[in-house]
Amino acid sequence: MVPLDDSFGRVLAQNVVAGDDYPNAARSLMDGFALQSQFAPGDFKIVAGVVMGAATTSALTPATAMSIPTGGLLPPGADAVVPIEDVRVDGSRLRVDASIDPGSNVAQCGADMRRGETILQPGRRIRAGQAGVLATLGVTQVLVYRRPTIAVLSSGDELVEPQARPRLGEIRDSNRYAVAGSLRAMGAVARHYPTLRDEAEAFESGLARALAECDGVVVTGGSSVGERDRLPHAVAQTAKPGVIVHGLRVKPGKPTLLGADGGKPVLGLPGNPTSALFMLEAVASPIVAALTGAPIEPATVQARLEGPAHSRAGWTWYVPVSLRRHGEVPLAQPLALRSFSVSLAARADGYIVMGERDEEWPAGKLVTVHRFLGG
């Protein structure tokens, strides 16, 4: 339960029901004059005007009209409002030259929300519009889903911290920061843990600690089939049921591992930075979404291929693209997938998905580009 002002960006965990009609009385939609529509066109005497925030007790007659501001409560006897620009005023006299339909320029009682109506349901992310509705309904304490805490770990003896200068054979650990940023964009809390080194005992104990302290674990590296790729064995030893899927027919991201320890997901991502980010956003994001309580809906944009895109028959390919403006429909330039590339995900604006039967898409083809979360 959080205060309304702290609920922005959180995921609603309750039904929000209107406790009253809104508006709770008929209100004017225009600055103008309230009157009885059946007597227009005609001449009316202007009587005391409507004051915002107060109800008028004086009832209108067929011969009278009352000035009213936008949002003002309709006085008794009135059933319509004529805009101020559609009338002629001469002192206390009002001339209406056209006929007016009943209900014109009036928001009727309950036109927006009805008492007892469910306005918001669980699983809705609270943005500006939802926060405004909650305030309108008097909901100042909001029940939201707890943000899941996801452990972020990298594995490999070759990794050093970003502030260190790598020696020959070493690389700076960039994966944990890309993964943490993506997880935060999904609504999770990312918690960094020490790098998992290649010694089996230390690897398993580090993984076990993260599983015990968090709601899920993401590990980059160590999921291939090499002799020193410890993750599959460590997951099998420390988690139950352990490894569920190891290896996907996709590119990039073939060695991806999906496992679980009870209800806690274990996501093993490739060590390549581009592959890790693609698999987290394209494959694993629905798993994280289940923990946050809201579906992940990455933004998409329609674009035309600036050059041909290629894949491999029988595989699903996530092809990174960069976007540039070109008239009403942007152009998407496919970027080459290279296993050594660290900068690819940073240069890409998103990706297209080529299915198992899509071996080549020609330049000019209209495609759906999936934008990176938080991008």
Protein backbone atom coordinates (compact mmCIF):
# COMPACT_ATOMS: atom_id res chain seq x y z
CA MET A 1 0.00 0.00 0.00
CA VAL A 2 1.59 3.29 -1.11
CA PRO A 3 0.49 6.93 -1.02
CA LEU A 4 -1.07 8.18 -4.24
CA ASP A 5 1.85 10.49 -4.93
CA ASP A 6 4.24 7.52 -4.79
CA SER A 7 2.15 5.27 -7.03
CA PHE A 8 3.28 6.61 -10.40
CA GLY A 9 4.83 3.84 -12.48
CA ARG A 10 3.68 1.13 -10.09
CA VAL A 11 1.30 -1.67 -11.05
CA LEU A 12 -2.20 -1.58 -9.62
CA ALA A 13 -3.17 -4.62 -7.51
CA GLN A 14 -6.80 -3.74 -6.76
CA ASN A 15 -10.08 -3.01 -8.47
CA VAL A 16 -10.84 0.70 -8.34
CA VAL A 17 -14.60 1.27 -8.13
CA ALA A 18 -16.36 4.62 -8.43
CA GLY A 19 -17.95 5.53 -5.11
CA ASP A 20 -20.21 8.12 -6.69
CA ASP A 21 -21.42 9.35 -10.05
CA TYR A 22 -19.05 11.65 -11.91
CA PRO A 23 -19.93 14.32 -12.56
CA ASN A 24 -22.20 14.18 -9.54
CA ALA A 25 -24.57 16.70 -11.13
CA ALA A 26 -25.13 18.13 -14.61
CA ARG A 27 -22.36 20.58 -15.54
CA SER A 28 -21.76 23.02 -18.36
CA LEU A 29 -19.23 22.13 -21.05
CA MET A 30 -18.97 25.71 -22.31
CA ASP A 31 -18.86 29.32 -21.16
CA GLY A 32 -22.31 30.57 -22.04
CA PHE A 33 -25.89 30.75 -20.82
CA ALA A 34 -28.07 28.07 -19.23
CA LEU A 35 -31.69 28.01 -20.36
CA GLN A 36 -34.66 25.86 -21.29
CA SER A 37 -33.96 24.61 -24.82
CA GLN A 38 -37.59 24.36 -25.96
CA PHE A 39 -37.95 28.15 -25.87
CA ALA A 40 -35.08 28.85 -28.27
CA PRO A 41 -34.87 30.68 -30.57
CA GLY A 42 -36.13 33.58 -28.51
CA ASP A 43 -35.42 36.41 -26.10
CA PHE A 44 -34.49 35.79 -22.46
CA LYS A 45 -33.90 37.90 -19.40
CA ILE A 46 -30.46 37.34 -17.86
CA VAL A 47 -30.71 36.65 -14.12
CA ALA A 48 -27.98 36.07 -11.53
CA GLY A 49 -25.12 33.91 -12.85
CA VAL A 50 -23.79 30.52 -11.76
CA VAL A 51 -20.75 30.65 -9.43
CA MET A 52 -18.12 27.91 -9.69
CA GLY A 53 -18.09 25.57 -6.70
CA ALA A 54 -21.61 26.44 -5.59
CA ALA A 55 -25.06 25.13 -6.44
CA THR A 56 -27.69 27.62 -7.59
CA THR A 57 -31.09 27.35 -5.91
CA SER A 58 -32.92 29.83 -8.15
CA ALA A 59 -34.90 28.01 -10.83
CA LEU A 60 -35.04 29.25 -14.40
CA THR A 61 -38.32 30.03 -16.11
CA PRO A 62 -39.11 29.84 -19.82
CA ALA A 63 -38.24 33.53 -20.11
CA THR A 64 -34.96 33.61 -18.16
CA ALA A 65 -31.35 32.53 -18.74
CA MET A 66 -28.35 32.43 -16.47
CA SER A 67 -24.66 32.98 -17.33
CA ILE A 68 -22.61 29.89 -16.59
CA PRO A 69 -18.86 29.09 -16.76
CA THR A 70 -17.37 25.86 -18.07
CA GLY A 71 -17.79 23.28 -15.30
CA GLY A 72 -20.53 25.21 -13.54
CA LEU A 73 -23.52 23.31 -12.13
CA LEU A 74 -26.64 23.60 -14.24
CA PRO A 75 -29.31 25.60 -12.37
CA PRO A 76 -32.73 24.05 -11.72
CA GLY A 77 -35.00 24.21 -14.74
CA ALA A 78 -32.18 24.44 -17.31
CA ASP A 79 -31.55 21.60 -19.75
CA ALA A 80 -29.01 23.13 -22.16
CA VAL A 81 -26.22 25.67 -22.50
CA VAL A 82 -25.77 27.99 -25.47
CA PRO A 83 -22.16 29.11 -26.05
CA ILE A 84 -21.47 32.80 -25.44
CA GLU A 85 -20.29 33.25 -29.04
CA ASP A 86 -23.68 32.09 -30.37
CA VAL A 87 -25.82 34.71 -28.64
CA ARG A 88 -26.38 38.46 -28.61
CA VAL A 89 -26.35 40.29 -25.28
CA ASP A 90 -27.90 43.73 -24.75
CA GLY A 91 -27.64 44.72 -21.13
CA SER A 92 -29.80 42.23 -19.23
CA ARG A 93 -31.38 40.84 -22.40
CA LEU A 94 -30.22 37.77 -24.28
CA ARG A 95 -31.12 36.93 -27.87
CA VAL A 96 -30.79 33.36 -29.18
CA ASP A 97 -31.38 33.08 -32.93
CA ALA A 98 -31.09 29.32 -33.41
CA SER A 99 -32.85 26.31 -31.99
CA ILE A 100 -31.05 24.26 -29.30
CA ASP A 101 -31.29 20.55 -28.63
CA PRO A 102 -31.96 19.39 -25.05
CA GLY A 103 -28.69 18.46 -23.36
CA SER A 104 -26.56 20.62 -25.66
CA ASN A 105 -23.16 21.46 -24.12
CA VAL A 106 -24.06 19.70 -20.89
CA ALA A 107 -22.22 16.86 -19.14
CA GLN A 108 -24.99 14.87 -17.55
CA CYS A 109 -24.74 13.36 -14.07
CA GLY A 110 -22.73 10.12 -14.29
CA ALA A 111 -21.73 10.68 -17.93
CA ASP A 112 -18.08 9.88 -17.12
CA MET A 113 -18.29 7.38 -14.25
CA ARG A 114 -21.21 5.65 -12.56
CA ARG A 115 -21.35 4.73 -8.90
CA GLY A 116 -20.32 1.07 -8.51
CA GLU A 117 -18.59 0.96 -11.91
CA THR A 118 -15.12 -0.66 -12.01
CA ILE A 119 -12.85 2.00 -13.49
CA LEU A 120 -9.40 0.41 -13.13
CA GLN A 121 -8.42 -3.24 -12.78
CA PRO A 122 -5.33 -4.98 -11.38
CA GLY A 123 -2.38 -5.19 -13.74
CA ARG A 124 -2.72 -1.60 -14.98
CA ARG A 125 0.43 0.47 -14.74
CA ILE A 126 -0.32 3.79 -13.06
CA ARG A 127 0.54 6.72 -15.32
CA ALA A 128 -0.57 10.34 -15.20
CA GLY A 129 -4.13 9.59 -16.36
CA GLN A 130 -4.65 6.80 -13.85
CA ALA A 131 -3.24 8.95 -11.01
CA GLY A 132 -5.73 11.69 -11.91
CA VAL A 133 -8.64 9.25 -11.82
CA LEU A 134 -7.53 7.86 -8.46
CA ALA A 135 -7.42 11.37 -7.03
CA THR A 136 -10.85 12.16 -8.52
CA LEU A 137 -12.28 9.09 -6.80
CA GLY A 138 -10.63 9.98 -3.49
CA VAL A 139 -8.23 7.02 -3.52
CA THR A 140 -5.20 8.36 -1.67
CA GLN A 141 -3.72 5.00 -0.58
CA VAL A 142 -3.15 2.60 -3.48
CA LEU A 143 -2.61 -1.14 -3.37
CA VAL A 144 0.17 -1.99 -5.83
CA TYR A 145 2.28 -5.02 -6.68
CA ARG A 146 5.60 -5.20 -4.92
CA ARG A 147 8.51 -4.56 -7.23
CA PRO A 148 10.37 -7.86 -7.64
CA THR A 149 14.06 -7.80 -6.80
CA ILE A 150 16.12 -9.53 -9.50
CA ALA A 151 19.72 -10.51 -8.85
CA VAL A 152 22.10 -9.52 -11.65
CA LEU A 153 25.27 -11.59 -12.00
CA SER A 154 28.00 -11.93 -14.59
CA SER A 155 30.21 -14.98 -14.87
CA GLY A 156 33.74 -15.50 -16.11
CA ASP A 157 37.33 -15.16 -14.88
CA GLU A 158 38.06 -12.70 -17.70
CA LEU A 159 35.74 -9.98 -16.34
CA VAL A 160 36.96 -6.86 -14.57
CA GLU A 161 35.08 -3.86 -13.23
CA PRO A 162 34.42 -0.97 -15.64
CA GLN A 163 36.76 1.37 -13.75
CA ALA A 164 39.69 -1.09 -14.15
CA ARG A 165 42.03 -1.13 -17.12
CA PRO A 166 41.79 -4.61 -18.68
CA ARG A 167 44.94 -6.59 -19.16
CA LEU A 168 45.45 -8.75 -22.20
CA GLY A 169 42.67 -11.34 -22.26
CA GLU A 170 40.42 -9.40 -19.85
CA ILE A 171 37.27 -7.40 -20.67
CA ARG A 172 35.24 -4.88 -18.75
CA ASP A 173 31.95 -6.22 -17.40
CA SER A 174 29.34 -4.31 -19.42
CA ASN A 175 26.57 -6.90 -19.32
CA ARG A 176 25.45 -6.31 -15.75
CA TYR A 177 24.72 -2.63 -16.42
CA ALA A 178 22.78 -3.27 -19.63
CA VAL A 179 20.78 -6.05 -17.95
CA ALA A 180 20.11 -3.98 -14.83
CA GLY A 181 18.89 -1.05 -16.92
CA SER A 182 16.54 -3.28 -18.91
CA LEU A 183 15.16 -4.89 -15.75
CA ARG A 184 14.46 -1.49 -14.22
CA ALA A 185 12.63 -0.45 -17.39
CA MET A 186 10.45 -3.53 -16.89
CA GLY A 187 9.54 -2.39 -13.38
CA ALA A 188 11.87 -4.63 -11.38
CA VAL A 189 14.54 -3.72 -8.83
CA ALA A 190 17.97 -4.83 -10.05
CA ARG A 191 20.47 -5.89 -7.36
CA HIS A 192 24.09 -6.42 -8.34
CA TYR A 193 26.00 -9.41 -6.97
CA PRO A 194 29.71 -10.28 -7.20
CA THR A 195 30.94 -11.84 -10.43
CA LEU A 196 30.66 -15.62 -10.53
CA ARG A 197 34.14 -17.05 -11.06
CA ASP A 198 34.75 -20.32 -12.85
CA GLU A 199 35.55 -22.45 -9.78
CA ALA A 200 32.58 -24.77 -9.36
CA GLU A 201 32.11 -24.40 -5.58
CA ALA A 202 32.30 -20.59 -5.61
CA PHE A 203 30.00 -20.44 -8.64
CA GLU A 204 27.30 -22.54 -6.99
CA SER A 205 27.49 -20.78 -3.64
CA GLY A 206 27.22 -17.36 -5.33
CA LEU A 207 24.17 -18.48 -7.29
CA ALA A 208 22.57 -20.03 -4.20
CA ARG A 209 23.00 -16.81 -2.23
CA ALA A 210 21.35 -14.73 -4.96
CA LEU A 211 18.43 -17.16 -5.18
CA ALA A 212 17.92 -17.06 -1.43
CA GLU A 213 17.87 -13.26 -1.25
CA CYS A 214 15.96 -12.28 -4.41
CA ASP A 215 12.80 -13.01 -6.38
CA GLY A 216 14.69 -14.12 -9.46
CA VAL A 217 18.18 -14.32 -10.94
CA VAL A 218 19.70 -13.23 -14.25
CA VAL A 219 23.17 -14.53 -15.10
CA THR A 220 25.11 -13.55 -18.19
CA GLY A 221 27.76 -15.95 -19.49
CA GLY A 222 28.53 -19.52 -18.51
CA SER A 223 25.54 -21.05 -20.29
CA SER A 224 27.28 -22.50 -23.35
CA VAL A 225 28.58 -26.07 -23.60
CA GLY A 226 32.25 -25.38 -22.92
CA GLU A 227 34.14 -27.15 -20.15
CA ARG A 228 34.19 -24.02 -17.98
CA ASP A 229 30.57 -22.99 -18.60
CA ARG A 230 29.28 -23.69 -15.11
CA LEU A 231 25.74 -22.31 -15.17
CA PRO A 232 23.71 -25.38 -16.30
CA HIS A 233 25.33 -27.63 -13.70
CA ALA A 234 25.07 -24.96 -10.97
CA VAL A 235 21.36 -24.40 -11.64
CA ALA A 236 20.76 -28.15 -11.55
CA GLN A 237 22.54 -28.39 -8.20
CA THR A 238 21.10 -25.34 -6.44
CA ALA A 239 17.56 -24.90 -7.83
CA LYS A 240 14.45 -27.07 -7.95
CA PRO A 241 13.22 -28.02 -10.52
CA GLY A 242 16.39 -26.49 -11.97
CA VAL A 243 17.01 -26.26 -15.70
CA ILE A 244 13.81 -26.22 -17.78
CA VAL A 245 15.14 -25.15 -21.17
CA HIS A 246 18.76 -24.94 -22.27
CA GLY A 247 19.33 -23.77 -25.82
CA LEU A 248 16.97 -21.98 -28.20
CA ARG A 249 16.79 -22.09 -31.96
CA VAL A 250 17.28 -18.34 -32.23
CA LYS A 251 19.96 -15.89 -33.21
CA PRO A 252 21.40 -14.16 -31.36
CA GLY A 253 21.03 -16.09 -28.12
CA LYS A 254 21.27 -19.81 -28.85
CA PRO A 255 22.77 -20.80 -25.43
CA THR A 256 19.99 -19.11 -23.41
CA LEU A 257 18.96 -21.04 -20.30
CA LEU A 258 15.56 -20.86 -18.59
CA GLY A 259 15.25 -22.41 -15.16
CA ALA A 260 13.43 -22.03 -11.87
CA ASP A 261 13.81 -22.46 -8.15
CA GLY A 262 10.21 -22.89 -7.06
CA GLY A 263 8.51 -19.73 -8.26
CA LYS A 264 11.78 -17.88 -8.79
CA PRO A 265 12.96 -17.69 -12.40
CA VAL A 266 16.58 -18.32 -13.28
CA LEU A 267 17.53 -16.68 -16.56
CA GLY A 268 20.85 -17.64 -18.10
CA LEU A 269 21.79 -15.24 -20.88
CA PRO A 270 24.68 -15.45 -23.36
CA GLY A 271 27.90 -13.67 -22.48
CA ASN A 272 27.87 -11.61 -25.67
CA PRO A 273 26.44 -8.18 -24.75
CA THR A 274 24.15 -7.92 -27.76
CA SER A 275 22.85 -11.47 -27.38
CA ALA A 276 22.26 -11.00 -23.65
CA LEU A 277 20.18 -7.86 -24.09
CA PHE A 278 18.19 -9.26 -27.00
CA MET A 279 17.28 -12.44 -25.14
CA LEU A 280 16.32 -10.55 -22.00
CA GLU A 281 14.00 -8.18 -23.86
CA ALA A 282 12.65 -10.49 -26.56
CA VAL A 283 12.37 -13.82 -24.69
CA ALA A 284 12.64 -13.33 -20.95
CA SER A 285 10.62 -10.12 -20.49
CA PRO A 286 7.27 -11.99 -20.13
CA ILE A 287 8.77 -13.91 -17.21
CA VAL A 288 9.79 -10.67 -15.51
CA ALA A 289 6.35 -9.25 -16.34
CA ALA A 290 4.70 -12.07 -14.41
CA LEU A 291 6.63 -10.98 -11.32
CA THR A 292 5.83 -7.28 -11.73
CA GLY A 293 2.11 -7.90 -12.21
CA ALA A 294 1.83 -6.09 -15.56
CA PRO A 295 2.32 -7.29 -19.13
CA ILE A 296 5.38 -6.03 -20.94
CA GLU A 297 4.27 -4.17 -24.04
CA PRO A 298 7.32 -2.91 -25.90
CA ALA A 299 6.67 0.00 -28.21
CA THR A 300 6.60 -0.86 -31.88
CA VAL A 301 6.89 1.26 -34.98
CA GLN A 302 6.22 0.49 -38.63
CA ALA A 303 9.19 1.10 -40.90
CA ARG A 304 10.52 0.14 -44.31
CA LEU A 305 13.73 -1.82 -44.66
CA GLU A 306 16.52 0.36 -46.01
CA GLY A 307 18.44 -2.74 -47.03
CA PRO A 308 17.72 -6.48 -47.25
CA ALA A 309 17.51 -8.57 -44.08
CA HIS A 310 18.68 -12.18 -43.97
CA SER A 311 18.12 -15.09 -41.58
CA ARG A 312 18.59 -18.83 -41.46
CA ALA A 313 15.85 -21.29 -42.39
CA GLY A 314 14.40 -23.10 -39.40
CA TRP A 315 15.54 -20.44 -36.92
CA THR A 316 14.03 -17.32 -35.39
CA TRP A 317 16.32 -14.34 -35.90
CA TYR A 318 16.20 -11.09 -33.96
CA VAL A 319 17.78 -8.67 -36.39
CA PRO A 320 18.93 -5.35 -34.89
CA VAL A 321 18.05 -2.23 -36.87
CA SER A 322 18.77 1.46 -36.69
CA LEU A 323 16.00 3.90 -37.55
CA ARG A 324 16.14 7.19 -39.42
CA ARG A 325 13.41 9.58 -40.44
CA HIS A 326 12.27 9.43 -44.05
CA GLY A 327 8.91 11.07 -44.69
CA GLU A 328 5.96 9.58 -42.84
CA VAL A 329 7.45 6.07 -42.58
CA PRO A 330 10.97 5.76 -41.11
CA LEU A 331 13.66 3.60 -42.66
CA ALA A 332 15.06 0.61 -40.76
CA GLN A 333 18.64 -0.33 -41.59
CA PRO A 334 19.50 -3.96 -40.63
CA LEU A 335 22.77 -4.19 -38.68
CA ALA A 336 25.15 -7.10 -39.03
CA LEU A 337 25.11 -9.64 -36.19
CA ARG A 338 28.66 -10.25 -35.02
CA SER A 339 29.50 -12.33 -31.96
CA PHE A 340 32.32 -9.99 -30.94
CA SER A 341 30.27 -6.78 -31.16
CA VAL A 342 29.83 -4.88 -27.90
CA SER A 343 28.45 -1.67 -29.43
CA LEU A 344 25.72 -3.25 -31.54
CA ALA A 345 22.92 -2.96 -28.99
CA ALA A 346 23.86 0.66 -28.37
CA ARG A 347 23.77 1.52 -32.08
CA ALA A 348 20.47 -0.28 -32.63
CA ASP A 349 17.12 1.40 -31.99
CA GLY A 350 15.31 -1.93 -31.84
CA TYR A 351 14.93 -5.18 -33.73
CA ILE A 352 12.78 -7.02 -36.23
CA VAL A 353 11.76 -10.65 -35.85
CA MET A 354 12.28 -13.02 -38.79
CA GLY A 355 10.50 -16.34 -38.38
CA GLU A 356 11.69 -19.83 -39.23
CA ARG A 357 10.50 -19.51 -42.84
CA ASP A 358 11.76 -15.98 -43.44
CA GLU A 359 15.17 -16.37 -45.07
CA GLU A 360 15.30 -12.99 -46.80
CA TRP A 361 13.29 -9.79 -46.67
CA PRO A 362 13.90 -7.31 -49.49
CA ALA A 363 14.65 -3.63 -49.12
CA GLY A 364 11.44 -1.62 -49.04
CA LYS A 365 9.46 -4.24 -47.12
CA LEU A 366 7.18 -2.80 -44.41
CA VAL A 367 8.25 -4.31 -41.07
CA THR A 368 7.44 -3.99 -37.39
CA VAL A 369 10.35 -2.70 -35.33
CA HIS A 370 10.30 -3.56 -31.63
CA ARG A 371 11.83 -0.69 -29.65
CA PHE A 372 14.03 -1.51 -26.68
CA LEU A 373 12.34 -1.13 -23.30
CA GLY A 374 13.15 2.21 -21.75
CA GLY A 375 14.39 3.46 -25.11
